[in-house]
C-alpha atoms as a PDB file:
ATOM      1  CA  MET A   1      10.404  -7.864 -75.977  1.00  0.00           C
ATOM      2  CA  THR A   2      10.792  -5.457 -78.893  1.00  0.00           C
ATOM      3  CA  ALA A   3      13.817  -3.485 -77.715  1.00  0.00           C
ATOM      4  CA  GLN A   4      16.835  -3.465 -79.955  1.00  0.00           C
ATOM      5  CA  LYS A   5      19.795  -5.376 -78.566  1.00  0.00           C
ATOM      6  CA  SER A   6      21.660  -2.128 -77.890  1.00  0.00           C
ATOM      7  CA  ASP A   7      18.685  -0.840 -75.849  1.00  0.00           C
ATOM      8  CA  ILE A   8      18.655  -3.723 -73.355  1.00  0.00           C
ATOM      9  CA  GLN A   9      20.662  -1.772 -70.788  1.00  0.00           C
ATOM     10  CA  TYR A  10      18.171   1.103 -71.017  1.00  0.00           C
ATOM     11  CA  TRP A  11      15.254  -1.310 -70.661  1.00  0.00           C
ATOM     12  CA  VAL A  12      16.847  -2.574 -67.436  1.00  0.00           C
ATOM     13  CA  ALA A  13      17.470   0.998 -66.249  1.00  0.00           C
ATOM     14  CA  PHE A  14      13.869   2.062 -66.890  1.00  0.00           C
ATOM     15  CA  ASN A  15      12.607  -1.007 -65.055  1.00  0.00           C
ATOM     16  CA  ARG A  16      14.450   0.227 -61.959  1.00  0.00           C
ATOM     17  CA  VAL A  17      12.495   3.510 -62.020  1.00  0.00           C
ATOM     18  CA  PRO A  18       9.342   3.485 -59.862  1.00  0.00           C
ATOM     19  CA  GLY A  19       6.239   3.944 -61.995  1.00  0.00           C
ATOM     20  CA  ILE A  20       7.695   2.548 -65.213  1.00  0.00           C
ATOM     21  CA  GLY A  21       5.988  -0.646 -66.258  1.00  0.00           C
ATOM     22  CA  ARG A  22       5.021  -2.334 -69.479  1.00  0.00           C
ATOM     23  CA  ALA A  23       2.572   0.370 -70.639  1.00  0.00           C
ATOM     24  CA  ARG A  24       4.880   3.322 -70.007  1.00  0.00           C
ATOM     25  CA  TYR A  25       7.862   1.464 -71.391  1.00  0.00           C
ATOM     26  CA  SER A  26       5.843   0.949 -74.579  1.00  0.00           C
ATOM     27  CA  LEU A  27       4.925   4.661 -74.747  1.00  0.00           C
ATOM     28  CA  LEU A  28       8.586   5.623 -74.473  1.00  0.00           C
ATOM     29  CA  GLU A  29       9.702   3.124 -77.074  1.00  0.00           C
ATOM     30  CA  LYS A  30       7.040   4.252 -79.552  1.00  0.00           C
ATOM     31  CA  HIS A  31       7.684   7.958 -79.029  1.00  0.00           C
ATOM     32  CA  PHE A  32      11.501   7.970 -78.976  1.00  0.00           C
ATOM     33  CA  GLY A  33      12.246   4.974 -81.180  1.00  0.00           C
ATOM     34  CA  ARG A  34      15.239   4.039 -79.035  1.00  0.00           C
ATOM     35  CA  LEU A  35      15.212   3.794 -75.268  1.00  0.00           C
ATOM     36  CA  GLU A  36      18.605   5.476 -75.137  1.00  0.00           C
ATOM     37  CA  ASN A  37      16.918   8.609 -76.498  1.00  0.00           C
ATOM     38  CA  ALA A  38      14.200   8.346 -73.853  1.00  0.00           C
ATOM     39  CA  TRP A  39      16.785   7.950 -71.094  1.00  0.00           C
ATOM     40  CA  THR A  40      18.409  11.280 -71.961  1.00  0.00           C
ATOM     41  CA  ALA A  41      15.151  13.136 -72.657  1.00  0.00           C
ATOM     42  CA  THR A  42      14.107  16.267 -70.793  1.00  0.00           C
ATOM     43  CA  PRO A  43      11.098  16.191 -68.464  1.00  0.00           C
ATOM     44  CA  ALA A  44       9.064  18.019 -71.125  1.00  0.00           C
ATOM     45  CA  GLU A  45      10.017  15.431 -73.751  1.00  0.00           C
ATOM     46  CA  LEU A  46       9.081  12.601 -71.398  1.00  0.00           C
ATOM     47  CA  ARG A  47       5.681  14.215 -70.788  1.00  0.00           C
ATOM     48  CA  ALA A  48       5.220  14.651 -74.560  1.00  0.00           C
ATOM     49  CA  ALA A  49       5.790  10.893 -74.864  1.00  0.00           C
ATOM     50  CA  GLY A  50       2.823  10.299 -72.564  1.00  0.00           C
ATOM     51  CA  LEU A  51       4.333  10.125 -69.066  1.00  0.00           C
ATOM     52  CA  ASP A  52       2.595  12.053 -66.325  1.00  0.00           C
ATOM     53  CA  GLU A  53       4.550  14.724 -64.452  1.00  0.00           C
ATOM     54  CA  LYS A  54       5.244  12.498 -61.425  1.00  0.00           C
ATOM     55  CA  THR A  55       6.671   9.668 -63.526  1.00  0.00           C
ATOM     56  CA  ALA A  56       8.753  12.014 -65.686  1.00  0.00           C
ATOM     57  CA  ALA A  57      10.183  13.533 -62.497  1.00  0.00           C
ATOM     58  CA  ALA A  58      10.960  10.021 -61.180  1.00  0.00           C
ATOM     59  CA  VAL A  59      12.916   9.205 -64.343  1.00  0.00           C
ATOM     60  CA  VAL A  60      14.938  12.411 -64.084  1.00  0.00           C
ATOM     61  CA  ALA A  61      15.566  11.855 -60.360  1.00  0.00           C
ATOM     62  CA  GLN A  62      16.720   8.252 -60.844  1.00  0.00           C
ATOM     63  CA  ARG A  63      19.045   8.820 -63.819  1.00  0.00           C
ATOM     64  CA  PRO A  64      22.050   9.909 -61.719  1.00  0.00           C
ATOM     65  CA  LYS A  65      21.615   6.802 -59.527  1.00  0.00           C
ATOM     66  CA  ILE A  66      21.347   4.271 -62.377  1.00  0.00           C
ATOM     67  CA  SER A  67      24.064   3.617 -64.936  1.00  0.00           C
ATOM     68  CA  PRO A  68      22.699   1.791 -67.991  1.00  0.00           C
END
């Protein structure tokens, strides 16, 4: 695992989102640097990181239900 220690809670949160697996997690980490930044990103920013529209929408929909 390459996440910084402070990003562990965001790694766990992303793993609770349907459609986020190892490959997409890696895209987010590479694009945003920190998973905390990815967690608060807009749908457009998530798509710019390489997520498809459905997965970006799933992240946004799950954020209010998951507290990192």
